[in-house]
């Protein structure tokens, strides 16, 4: 009897546990269903993306015209100004060199492929110095400012290749200029400096751009030469005594430029070169030297009236 009661009790406990488990499972299933329904509700309540902007096919009906130079310059003002000031023969349409615009890709690293090459237009047959200077960028570092060439070591070492005359003159006619480097005066290719960058004028107020325009050839400055219209004040800077005498003479020589008689520096002309034999044969035989009577060619005595 006692064993039967125990067996019956265990049965009740098992039934109770089974009921509790079933209820728990049902509650979990119900909760999951509720949650799923909620998520579905959320998903179903989101609107589907649609395009609301109206199409405008007329905007694409005509092919766009090529960019003009000024339009390119709006985004590339530095390049525009370089070509404008120092572009030389490169002052033409951008598309002549740049066949594609804004096609550089950092991922492709295609810079070398899209940039134009000098050889696309310039070949060794058309460029006189191409046999010596094979890398254009060694001298023409900025293709948009082609006339501006900084004095690089490559350029400095090759001056005589194109300019044989100046180095030869500097060597044949030694002066202080012979000891200088070309770059001391020519800081960039094609630059002709003013002599007054280094040298003071011969006299106060003297205005000159290059000494060669008056007396001193730059690459052989001691070989003085001048034109017929050289200023007499310039001559007087070195020949002060003669100049002072000449400026005060009442003779006609005071109206004659120095260079008209002294056609070369250091050259002393003969009076007969201009005057011939103005006196009688007997007088010239007696006084063969004009300065015996006329004393000073820069201030000859004149008849007083």
C-alpha atoms as a PDB file:
ATOM      1  CA  UNK A   1       0.000   0.000   0.000  1.00  0.00           C
ATOM      2  CA  UNK A   2       2.772   2.403   0.899  1.00  0.00           C
ATOM      3  CA  UNK A   3       4.730   1.592  -2.282  1.00  0.00           C
ATOM      4  CA  UNK A   4       1.647   2.313  -4.368  1.00  0.00           C
ATOM      5  CA  UNK A   5       1.241   5.748  -2.801  1.00  0.00           C
ATOM      6  CA  UNK A   6       4.905   6.587  -3.534  1.00  0.00           C
ATOM      7  CA  UNK A   7       4.557   5.456  -7.110  1.00  0.00           C
ATOM      8  CA  UNK A   8       1.411   7.595  -7.523  1.00  0.00           C
ATOM      9  CA  UNK A   9       3.211  10.667  -6.057  1.00  0.00           C
ATOM     10  CA  UNK A  10       6.109  10.387  -8.476  1.00  0.00           C
ATOM     11  CA  UNK A  11       3.637  10.181 -11.323  1.00  0.00           C
ATOM     12  CA  UNK A  12       1.964  13.426 -10.262  1.00  0.00           C
ATOM     13  CA  UNK A  13       5.338  15.197 -10.095  1.00  0.00           C
ATOM     14  CA  UNK A  14       6.241  13.997 -13.599  1.00  0.00           C
ATOM     15  CA  UNK A  15       2.916  15.211 -14.967  1.00  0.00           C
ATOM     16  CA  UNK A  16       3.384  18.574 -13.287  1.00  0.00           C
ATOM     17  CA  UNK A  17       6.889  18.974 -14.679  1.00  0.00           C
ATOM     18  CA  UNK A  18       5.708  18.032 -18.175  1.00  0.00           C
ATOM     19  CA  UNK A  19       2.956  20.615 -17.992  1.00  0.00           C
ATOM     20  CA  UNK A  20       5.333  23.303 -16.897  1.00  0.00           C
ATOM     21  CA  UNK A  21       7.743  22.523 -19.734  1.00  0.00           C
ATOM     22  CA  UNK A  22       4.955  22.555 -22.278  1.00  0.00           C
ATOM     23  CA  UNK A  23       3.681  25.876 -21.021  1.00  0.00           C
ATOM     24  CA  UNK A  24       7.184  27.384 -21.129  1.00  0.00           C
ATOM     25  CA  UNK A  25       7.687  26.179 -24.697  1.00  0.00           C
ATOM     26  CA  UNK A  26       4.383  27.593 -25.709  1.00  0.00           C
ATOM     27  CA  UNK A  27       5.175  30.943 -24.129  1.00  0.00           C
ATOM     28  CA  UNK A  28       8.578  31.084 -25.905  1.00  0.00           C
ATOM     29  CA  UNK A  29       7.017  30.194 -29.243  1.00  0.00           C
ATOM     30  CA  UNK A  30       4.345  32.815 -28.741  1.00  0.00           C
ATOM     31  CA  UNK A  31       6.985  35.421 -27.878  1.00  0.00           C
ATOM     32  CA  UNK A  32       9.047  34.504 -30.960  1.00  0.00           C
ATOM     33  CA  UNK A  33       6.012  34.715 -33.138  1.00  0.00           C
ATOM     34  CA  UNK A  34       5.127  38.078 -31.695  1.00  0.00           C
ATOM     35  CA  UNK A  35       8.681  39.356 -32.206  1.00  0.00           C
ATOM     36  CA  UNK A  36       8.796  38.075 -35.772  1.00  0.00           C
ATOM     37  CA  UNK A  37       5.488  39.666 -36.490  1.00  0.00           C
ATOM     38  CA  UNK A  38       6.778  42.941 -35.098  1.00  0.00           C
ATOM     39  CA  UNK A  39       9.940  42.795 -37.288  1.00  0.00           C
ATOM     40  CA  UNK A  40       7.875  41.984 -40.329  1.00  0.00           C
ATOM     41  CA  UNK A  41       5.659  44.883 -39.483  1.00  0.00           C
ATOM     42  CA  UNK A  42       8.631  47.168 -39.351  1.00  0.00           C
ATOM     43  CA  UNK A  43       9.982  45.895 -42.665  1.00  0.00           C
ATOM     44  CA  UNK A  44       6.691  46.079 -44.384  1.00  0.00           C
ATOM     45  CA  UNK A  45       6.071  49.610 -43.135  1.00  0.00           C
ATOM     46  CA  UNK A  46       9.318  51.011 -44.774  1.00  0.00           C
ATOM     47  CA  UNK A  47       8.571  52.757 -48.115  1.00  0.00           C
ATOM     48  CA  UNK A  48      10.131  51.382 -51.310  1.00  0.00           C
ATOM     49  CA  UNK A  49      12.762  53.800 -52.851  1.00  0.00           C
ATOM     50  CA  UNK A  50      11.491  55.410 -56.048  1.00  0.00           C
ATOM     51  CA  UNK A  51      12.878  58.148 -58.378  1.00  0.00           C
ATOM     52  CA  UNK A  52      10.799  61.265 -58.076  1.00  0.00           C
ATOM     53  CA  UNK A  53      13.014  63.564 -60.320  1.00  0.00           C
ATOM     54  CA  UNK A  54      11.638  64.059 -63.780  1.00  0.00           C
ATOM     55  CA  UNK A  55      13.870  63.071 -66.690  1.00  0.00           C
ATOM     56  CA  UNK A  56      15.202  65.835 -68.906  1.00  0.00           C
ATOM     57  CA  UNK A  57      16.528  64.125 -72.045  1.00  0.00           C
ATOM     58  CA  UNK A  58      16.704  67.439 -73.917  1.00  0.00           C
ATOM     59  CA  UNK A  59      19.741  68.323 -71.812  1.00  0.00           C
ATOM     60  CA  UNK A  60      21.660  65.539 -73.510  1.00  0.00           C
ATOM     61  CA  UNK A  61      20.325  66.010 -77.010  1.00  0.00           C
ATOM     62  CA  UNK A  62      23.434  67.948 -78.206  1.00  0.00           C
ATOM     63  CA  UNK A  63      27.107  67.013 -77.788  1.00  0.00           C
ATOM     64  CA  UNK A  64      28.984  69.589 -75.663  1.00  0.00           C
ATOM     65  CA  UNK A  65      31.508  71.754 -77.566  1.00  0.00           C
ATOM     66  CA  UNK A  66      35.206  71.385 -76.671  1.00  0.00           C
ATOM     67  CA  UNK A  67      36.491  73.470 -73.789  1.00  0.00           C
ATOM     68  CA  UNK A  68      37.955  76.809 -74.769  1.00  0.00           C
ATOM     69  CA  UNK A  69      41.357  78.006 -73.567  1.00  0.00           C
ATOM     70  CA  UNK A  70      39.760  80.554 -71.251  1.00  0.00           C
ATOM     71  CA  UNK A  71      37.520  77.864 -69.758  1.00  0.00           C
ATOM     72  CA  UNK A  72      40.575  75.731 -69.030  1.00  0.00           C
ATOM     73  CA  UNK A  73      42.178  78.789 -67.487  1.00  0.00           C
ATOM     74  CA  UNK A  74      39.329  79.206 -65.018  1.00  0.00           C
ATOM     75  CA  UNK A  75      40.490  76.083 -63.171  1.00  0.00           C
ATOM     76  CA  UNK A  76      44.153  76.316 -64.158  1.00  0.00           C
ATOM     77  CA  UNK A  77      44.996  80.041 -63.848  1.00  0.00           C
ATOM     78  CA  UNK A  78      48.689  79.410 -63.200  1.00  0.00           C
ATOM     79  CA  UNK A  79      49.097  77.417 -66.393  1.00  0.00           C
ATOM     80  CA  UNK A  80      47.130  80.033 -68.330  1.00  0.00           C
ATOM     81  CA  UNK A  81      49.387  82.867 -67.120  1.00  0.00           C
ATOM     82  CA  UNK A  82      52.571  80.849 -67.769  1.00  0.00           C
ATOM     83  CA  UNK A  83      51.600  80.318 -71.396  1.00  0.00           C
ATOM     84  CA  UNK A  84      50.435  83.906 -71.763  1.00  0.00           C
ATOM     85  CA  UNK A  85      53.745  85.352 -70.512  1.00  0.00           C
ATOM     86  CA  UNK A  86      56.380  82.849 -71.587  1.00  0.00           C
ATOM     87  CA  UNK A  87      54.624  80.161 -73.619  1.00  0.00           C
ATOM     88  CA  UNK A  88      56.485  80.980 -76.828  1.00  0.00           C
ATOM     89  CA  UNK A  89      55.246  78.782 -79.662  1.00  0.00           C
ATOM     90  CA  UNK A  90      53.174  76.785 -77.181  1.00  0.00           C
ATOM     91  CA  UNK A  91      50.522  79.512 -77.161  1.00  0.00           C
ATOM     92  CA  UNK A  92      47.856  77.428 -78.861  1.00  0.00           C
ATOM     93  CA  UNK A  93      44.768  75.390 -77.941  1.00  0.00           C
ATOM     94  CA  UNK A  94      45.189  73.077 -74.944  1.00  0.00           C
ATOM     95  CA  UNK A  95      43.749  70.127 -76.904  1.00  0.00           C
ATOM     96  CA  UNK A  96      46.716  70.215 -79.268  1.00  0.00           C
ATOM     97  CA  UNK A  97      48.733  68.526 -76.514  1.00  0.00           C
ATOM     98  CA  UNK A  98      46.186  67.252 -73.985  1.00  0.00           C
ATOM     99  CA  UNK A  99      44.047  64.708 -75.796  1.00  0.00           C
ATOM    100  CA  UNK A 100      42.133  63.706 -72.655  1.00  0.00           C
ATOM    101  CA  UNK A 101      41.102  65.785 -69.662  1.00  0.00           C
ATOM    102  CA  UNK A 102      40.729  64.717 -66.017  1.00  0.00           C
ATOM    103  CA  UNK A 103      41.399  61.073 -66.760  1.00  0.00           C
ATOM    104  CA  UNK A 104      44.060  60.545 -64.113  1.00  0.00           C
ATOM    105  CA  UNK A 105      43.275  57.747 -61.671  1.00  0.00           C
ATOM    106  CA  UNK A 106      45.339  57.239 -58.498  1.00  0.00           C
ATOM    107  CA  UNK A 107      44.418  53.549 -58.541  1.00  0.00           C
ATOM    108  CA  UNK A 108      45.696  53.142 -62.099  1.00  0.00           C
ATOM    109  CA  UNK A 109      48.611  55.533 -61.604  1.00  0.00           C
ATOM    110  CA  UNK A 110      48.311  56.431 -65.268  1.00  0.00           C
ATOM    111  CA  UNK A 111      49.965  59.857 -65.198  1.00  0.00           C
ATOM    112  CA  UNK A 112      52.696  58.930 -67.686  1.00  0.00           C
ATOM    113  CA  UNK A 113      50.126  57.510 -70.079  1.00  0.00           C
ATOM    114  CA  UNK A 114      47.879  60.581 -70.219  1.00  0.00           C
ATOM    115  CA  UNK A 115      50.550  63.302 -70.205  1.00  0.00           C
ATOM    116  CA  UNK A 116      51.674  64.413 -73.687  1.00  0.00           C
ATOM    117  CA  UNK A 117      55.226  63.692 -74.771  1.00  0.00           C
ATOM    118  CA  UNK A 118      57.570  66.255 -76.308  1.00  0.00           C
ATOM    119  CA  UNK A 119      58.304  63.753 -79.058  1.00  0.00           C
ATOM    120  CA  UNK A 120      54.646  63.863 -80.102  1.00  0.00           C
ATOM    121  CA  UNK A 121      55.473  67.157 -81.854  1.00  0.00           C
ATOM    122  CA  UNK A 122      59.254  67.542 -81.669  1.00  0.00           C
ATOM    123  CA  UNK A 123      61.564  65.064 -83.327  1.00  0.00           C
ATOM    124  CA  UNK A 124      65.378  65.096 -83.484  1.00  0.00           C
ATOM    125  CA  UNK A 125      65.091  65.962 -87.165  1.00  0.00           C
ATOM    126  CA  UNK A 126      63.239  69.215 -86.421  1.00  0.00           C
ATOM    127  CA  UNK A 127      65.149  70.361 -83.322  1.00  0.00           C
ATOM    128  CA  UNK A 128      68.715  71.538 -83.903  1.00  0.00           C
ATOM    129  CA  UNK A 129      69.992  70.669 -80.423  1.00  0.00           C
ATOM    130  CA  UNK A 130      68.068  67.418 -79.971  1.00  0.00           C
ATOM    131  CA  UNK A 131      71.160  65.327 -80.695  1.00  0.00           C
ATOM    132  CA  UNK A 132      72.933  66.821 -77.662  1.00  0.00           C
ATOM    133  CA  UNK A 133      69.985  67.449 -75.326  1.00  0.00           C
ATOM    134  CA  UNK A 134      67.884  64.315 -75.475  1.00  0.00           C
ATOM    135  CA  UNK A 135      65.800  65.031 -72.361  1.00  0.00           C
ATOM    136  CA  UNK A 136      63.784  68.187 -73.001  1.00  0.00           C
ATOM    137  CA  UNK A 137      62.800  68.615 -69.345  1.00  0.00           C
ATOM    138  CA  UNK A 138      66.446  69.003 -68.300  1.00  0.00           C
ATOM    139  CA  UNK A 139      66.269  72.542 -69.681  1.00  0.00           C
ATOM    140  CA  UNK A 140      62.572  73.191 -70.349  1.00  0.00           C
ATOM    141  CA  UNK A 141      61.366  72.274 -66.877  1.00  0.00           C
ATOM    142  CA  UNK A 142      57.945  73.899 -67.377  1.00  0.00           C
ATOM    143  CA  UNK A 143      56.327  73.106 -70.756  1.00  0.00           C
ATOM    144  CA  UNK A 144      53.761  75.871 -70.194  1.00  0.00           C
ATOM    145  CA  UNK A 145      56.536  78.444 -69.658  1.00  0.00           C
ATOM    146  CA  UNK A 146      58.844  77.140 -72.326  1.00  0.00           C
ATOM    147  CA  UNK A 147      60.897  80.337 -72.700  1.00  0.00           C
ATOM    148  CA  UNK A 148      61.933  80.328 -69.036  1.00  0.00           C
ATOM    149  CA  UNK A 149      64.867  77.989 -68.478  1.00  0.00           C
ATOM    150  CA  UNK A 150      66.585  78.116 -65.077  1.00  0.00           C
ATOM    151  CA  UNK A 151      70.356  77.772 -65.270  1.00  0.00           C
ATOM    152  CA  UNK A 152      70.619  74.103 -64.350  1.00  0.00           C
ATOM    153  CA  UNK A 153      73.928  72.249 -64.161  1.00  0.00           C
ATOM    154  CA  UNK A 154      73.121  70.480 -67.417  1.00  0.00           C
ATOM    155  CA  UNK A 155      72.482  73.774 -69.164  1.00  0.00           C
ATOM    156  CA  UNK A 156      75.503  75.474 -67.609  1.00  0.00           C
ATOM    157  CA  UNK A 157      77.835  72.692 -68.714  1.00  0.00           C
ATOM    158  CA  UNK A 158      76.561  72.964 -72.271  1.00  0.00           C
ATOM    159  CA  UNK A 159      76.610  76.718 -72.971  1.00  0.00           C
ATOM    160  CA  UNK A 160      79.337  76.407 -75.602  1.00  0.00           C
ATOM    161  CA  UNK A 161      77.309  73.812 -77.500  1.00  0.00           C
ATOM    162  CA  UNK A 162      74.988  76.511 -78.826  1.00  0.00           C
ATOM    163  CA  UNK A 163      76.957  79.659 -77.941  1.00  0.00           C
ATOM    164  CA  UNK A 164      80.513  79.003 -79.098  1.00  0.00           C
ATOM    165  CA  UNK A 165      81.406  82.671 -79.578  1.00  0.00           C
ATOM    166  CA  UNK A 166      81.296  84.008 -75.990  1.00  0.00           C
ATOM    167  CA  UNK A 167      83.469  81.270 -74.428  1.00  0.00           C
ATOM    168  CA  UNK A 168      85.998  81.711 -77.250  1.00  0.00           C
ATOM    169  CA  UNK A 169      86.096  85.490 -76.729  1.00  0.00           C
ATOM    170  CA  UNK A 170      86.504  85.132 -72.974  1.00  0.00           C
ATOM    171  CA  UNK A 171      89.463  82.828 -73.508  1.00  0.00           C
ATOM    172  CA  UNK A 172      91.113  84.837 -76.290  1.00  0.00           C
ATOM    173  CA  UNK A 173      90.686  88.201 -74.570  1.00  0.00           C
ATOM    174  CA  UNK A 174      91.302  87.609 -70.837  1.00  0.00           C
ATOM    175  CA  UNK A 175      89.613  89.917 -68.341  1.00  0.00           C
ATOM    176  CA  UNK A 176      87.904  89.649 -64.998  1.00  0.00           C
ATOM    177  CA  UNK A 177      84.890  88.323 -66.868  1.00  0.00           C
ATOM    178  CA  UNK A 178      86.946  85.290 -67.919  1.00  0.00           C
ATOM    179  CA  UNK A 179      87.030  84.108 -64.315  1.00  0.00           C
ATOM    180  CA  UNK A 180      83.251  84.203 -63.949  1.00  0.00           C
ATOM    181  CA  UNK A 181      80.752  81.458 -64.570  1.00  0.00           C
ATOM    182  CA  UNK A 182      78.073  82.087 -67.197  1.00  0.00           C
ATOM    183  CA  UNK A 183      75.477  81.711 -64.428  1.00  0.00           C
ATOM    184  CA  UNK A 184      76.966  84.633 -62.487  1.00  0.00           C
ATOM    185  CA  UNK A 185      75.411  86.985 -65.040  1.00  0.00           C
ATOM    186  CA  UNK A 186      72.941  84.835 -66.967  1.00  0.00           C
ATOM    187  CA  UNK A 187      70.824  83.523 -64.099  1.00  0.00           C
ATOM    188  CA  UNK A 188      68.443  81.948 -66.581  1.00  0.00           C
ATOM    189  CA  UNK A 189      68.734  81.088 -70.236  1.00  0.00           C
ATOM    190  CA  UNK A 190      68.220  84.030 -72.560  1.00  0.00           C
ATOM    191  CA  UNK A 191      68.573  86.646 -69.829  1.00  0.00           C
ATOM    192  CA  UNK A 192      70.821  89.537 -70.841  1.00  0.00           C
ATOM    193  CA  UNK A 193      71.570  91.343 -67.592  1.00  0.00           C
ATOM    194  CA  UNK A 194      72.218  95.019 -67.221  1.00  0.00           C
ATOM    195  CA  UNK A 195      75.852  95.859 -66.616  1.00  0.00           C
ATOM    196  CA  UNK A 196      74.811  98.200 -63.825  1.00  0.00           C
ATOM    197  CA  UNK A 197      73.872  95.137 -61.788  1.00  0.00           C
ATOM    198  CA  UNK A 198      77.598  94.849 -61.041  1.00  0.00           C
ATOM    199  CA  UNK A 199      79.207  98.013 -62.399  1.00  0.00           C
ATOM    200  CA  UNK A 200      78.710 101.611 -61.382  1.00  0.00           C
ATOM    201  CA  UNK A 201      78.176 104.179 -64.159  1.00  0.00           C
ATOM    202  CA  UNK A 202      81.168 106.141 -65.438  1.00  0.00           C
ATOM    203  CA  UNK A 203      79.552 109.397 -64.401  1.00  0.00           C
ATOM    204  CA  UNK A 204      76.592 110.428 -62.298  1.00  0.00           C
ATOM    205  CA  UNK A 205      73.359 110.201 -64.230  1.00  0.00           C
ATOM    206  CA  UNK A 206      74.710 107.887 -66.931  1.00  0.00           C
ATOM    207  CA  UNK A 207      71.880 105.723 -68.213  1.00  0.00           C
ATOM    208  CA  UNK A 208      72.847 102.445 -69.832  1.00  0.00           C
ATOM    209  CA  UNK A 209      71.452  98.960 -70.134  1.00  0.00           C
ATOM    210  CA  UNK A 210      74.548  97.238 -71.425  1.00  0.00           C
ATOM    211  CA  UNK A 211      78.077  98.589 -71.621  1.00  0.00           C
ATOM    212  CA  UNK A 212      78.345  96.964 -75.050  1.00  0.00           C
ATOM    213  CA  UNK A 213      75.883  99.544 -76.364  1.00  0.00           C
ATOM    214  CA  UNK A 214      78.559 102.175 -75.778  1.00  0.00           C
ATOM    215  CA  UNK A 215      82.098 100.849 -75.486  1.00  0.00           C
ATOM    216  CA  UNK A 216      82.760  97.466 -73.897  1.00  0.00           C
ATOM    217  CA  UNK A 217      81.845  94.194 -75.630  1.00  0.00           C
ATOM    218  CA  UNK A 218      80.677  92.067 -72.719  1.00  0.00           C
ATOM    219  CA  UNK A 219      82.766  88.957 -73.357  1.00  0.00           C
ATOM    220  CA  UNK A 220      85.921  90.948 -74.268  1.00  0.00           C
ATOM    221  CA  UNK A 221      85.486  94.169 -72.287  1.00  0.00           C
ATOM    222  CA  UNK A 222      89.043  95.414 -72.799  1.00  0.00           C
ATOM    223  CA  UNK A 223      88.585  95.468 -76.578  1.00  0.00           C
ATOM    224  CA  UNK A 224      86.800  98.810 -76.557  1.00  0.00           C
ATOM    225  CA  UNK A 225      84.677  99.624 -79.566  1.00  0.00           C
ATOM    226  CA  UNK A 226      81.875 102.057 -80.106  1.00  0.00           C
ATOM    227  CA  UNK A 227      79.463 103.461 -82.635  1.00  0.00           C
ATOM    228  CA  UNK A 228      79.679 106.901 -84.196  1.00  0.00           C
ATOM    229  CA  UNK A 229      76.874 108.173 -81.998  1.00  0.00           C
ATOM    230  CA  UNK A 230      78.556 107.262 -78.703  1.00  0.00           C
ATOM    231  CA  UNK A 231      78.080 109.999 -76.124  1.00  0.00           C
ATOM    232  CA  UNK A 232      81.060 112.335 -75.726  1.00  0.00           C
ATOM    233  CA  UNK A 233      80.373 112.424 -71.987  1.00  0.00           C
ATOM    234  CA  UNK A 234      81.120 108.729 -71.918  1.00  0.00           C
ATOM    235  CA  UNK A 235      84.518 109.361 -73.528  1.00  0.00           C
ATOM    236  CA  UNK A 236      85.143 112.133 -71.021  1.00  0.00           C
ATOM    237  CA  UNK A 237      84.677 109.700 -68.132  1.00  0.00           C
ATOM    238  CA  UNK A 238      88.148 108.301 -68.881  1.00  0.00           C
ATOM    239  CA  UNK A 239      89.674 111.228 -70.797  1.00  0.00           C
ATOM    240  CA  UNK A 240      88.791 113.986 -68.362  1.00  0.00           C
ATOM    241  CA  UNK A 241      91.450 116.534 -69.371  1.00  0.00           C
ATOM    242  CA  UNK A 242      90.770 116.252 -73.089  1.00  0.00           C
ATOM    243  CA  UNK A 243      87.033 116.396 -72.491  1.00  0.00           C
ATOM    244  CA  UNK A 244      87.323 119.551 -70.365  1.00  0.00           C
ATOM    245  CA  UNK A 245      89.396 121.254 -73.090  1.00  0.00           C
ATOM    246  CA  UNK A 246      87.066 120.148 -75.871  1.00  0.00           C
ATOM    247  CA  UNK A 247      83.910 121.388 -74.106  1.00  0.00           C
ATOM    248  CA  UNK A 248      85.365 124.921 -73.853  1.00  0.00           C
ATOM    249  CA  UNK A 249      86.786 125.338 -77.351  1.00  0.00           C
ATOM    250  CA  UNK A 250      85.225 128.049 -79.529  1.00  0.00           C
ATOM    251  CA  UNK A 251      86.389 126.197 -82.653  1.00  0.00           C
ATOM    252  CA  UNK A 252      84.285 124.029 -84.910  1.00  0.00           C
ATOM    253  CA  UNK A 253      85.859 120.976 -83.307  1.00  0.00           C
ATOM    254  CA  UNK A 254      83.620 121.628 -80.291  1.00  0.00           C
ATOM    255  CA  UNK A 255      80.656 120.536 -82.406  1.00  0.00           C
ATOM    256  CA  UNK A 256      82.233 117.293 -83.604  1.00  0.00           C
ATOM    257  CA  UNK A 257      81.696 114.010 -81.759  1.00  0.00           C
ATOM    258  CA  UNK A 258      84.789 112.220 -80.502  1.00  0.00           C
ATOM    259  CA  UNK A 259      83.938 109.076 -82.462  1.00  0.00           C
ATOM    260  CA  UNK A 260      83.824 110.980 -85.737  1.00  0.00           C
ATOM    261  CA  UNK A 261      87.618 111.447 -85.595  1.00  0.00           C
ATOM    262  CA  UNK A 262      88.593 108.576 -83.298  1.00  0.00           C
ATOM    263  CA  UNK A 263      86.865 105.795 -85.220  1.00  0.00           C
ATOM    264  CA  UNK A 264      88.569 103.175 -83.044  1.00  0.00           C
ATOM    265  CA  UNK A 265      89.622 103.386 -79.446  1.00  0.00           C
ATOM    266  CA  UNK A 266      93.216 104.581 -79.225  1.00  0.00           C
ATOM    267  CA  UNK A 267      93.290 105.633 -82.859  1.00  0.00           C
ATOM    268  CA  UNK A 268      94.803 109.112 -83.452  1.00  0.00           C
ATOM    269  CA  UNK A 269      93.767 110.433 -86.858  1.00  0.00           C
ATOM    270  CA  UNK A 270      95.751 112.709 -89.139  1.00  0.00           C
ATOM    271  CA  UNK A 271      94.449 116.220 -89.647  1.00  0.00           C
ATOM    272  CA  UNK A 272      94.595 115.661 -93.402  1.00  0.00           C
ATOM    273  CA  UNK A 273      92.025 112.831 -93.043  1.00  0.00           C
ATOM    274  CA  UNK A 274      89.366 115.532 -92.763  1.00  0.00           C
ATOM    275  CA  UNK A 275      91.042 118.774 -93.838  1.00  0.00           C
ATOM    276  CA  UNK A 276      93.272 117.708 -96.680  1.00  0.00           C
ATOM    277  CA  UNK A 277      95.863 120.431 -97.463  1.00  0.00           C
ATOM    278  CA  UNK A 278      94.023 123.663 -96.679  1.00  0.00           C
ATOM    279  CA  UNK A 279      97.071 125.920 -97.073  1.00  0.00           C
ATOM    280  CA  UNK A 280      99.530 126.580 -99.871  1.00  0.00           C
ATOM    281  CA  UNK A 281     102.083 123.975-100.887  1.00  0.00           C
ATOM    282  CA  UNK A 282     104.925 126.133 -99.674  1.00  0.00           C
ATOM    283  CA  UNK A 283     103.359 126.577 -96.200  1.00  0.00           C
ATOM    284  CA  UNK A 284     102.775 122.855 -95.794  1.00  0.00           C
ATOM    285  CA  UNK A 285     106.321 122.128 -96.841  1.00  0.00           C
ATOM    286  CA  UNK A 286     107.584 124.614 -94.262  1.00  0.00           C
ATOM    287  CA  UNK A 287     105.261 123.362 -91.505  1.00  0.00           C
ATOM    288  CA  UNK A 288     104.519 119.682 -92.237  1.00  0.00           C
ATOM    289  CA  UNK A 289     102.945 119.175 -88.811  1.00  0.00           C
ATOM    290  CA  UNK A 290      99.640 120.976 -88.385  1.00  0.00           C
ATOM    291  CA  UNK A 291      99.937 121.140 -84.606  1.00  0.00           C
ATOM    292  CA  UNK A 292     103.052 123.296 -84.930  1.00  0.00           C
ATOM    293  CA  UNK A 293     100.633 126.157 -85.406  1.00  0.00           C
ATOM    294  CA  UNK A 294      97.292 124.753 -84.321  1.00  0.00           C
ATOM    295  CA  UNK A 295      98.812 123.440 -81.071  1.00  0.00           C
ATOM    296  CA  UNK A 296      95.865 121.324 -79.759  1.00  0.00           C
ATOM    297  CA  UNK A 297      93.505 119.370 -81.975  1.00  0.00           C
ATOM    298  CA  UNK A 298      90.825 119.575 -79.296  1.00  0.00           C
ATOM    299  CA  UNK A 299      91.129 123.372 -79.014  1.00  0.00           C
ATOM    300  CA  UNK A 300      92.850 124.771 -82.067  1.00  0.00           C
ATOM    301  CA  UNK A 301      93.410 128.576 -82.193  1.00  0.00           C
ATOM    302  CA  UNK A 302      90.781 130.354 -84.230  1.00  0.00           C
ATOM    303  CA  UNK A 303      90.888 133.680 -85.957  1.00  0.00           C
ATOM    304  CA  UNK A 304      89.600 136.340 -83.657  1.00  0.00           C
ATOM    305  CA  UNK A 305      87.318 138.942 -85.209  1.00  0.00           C
END
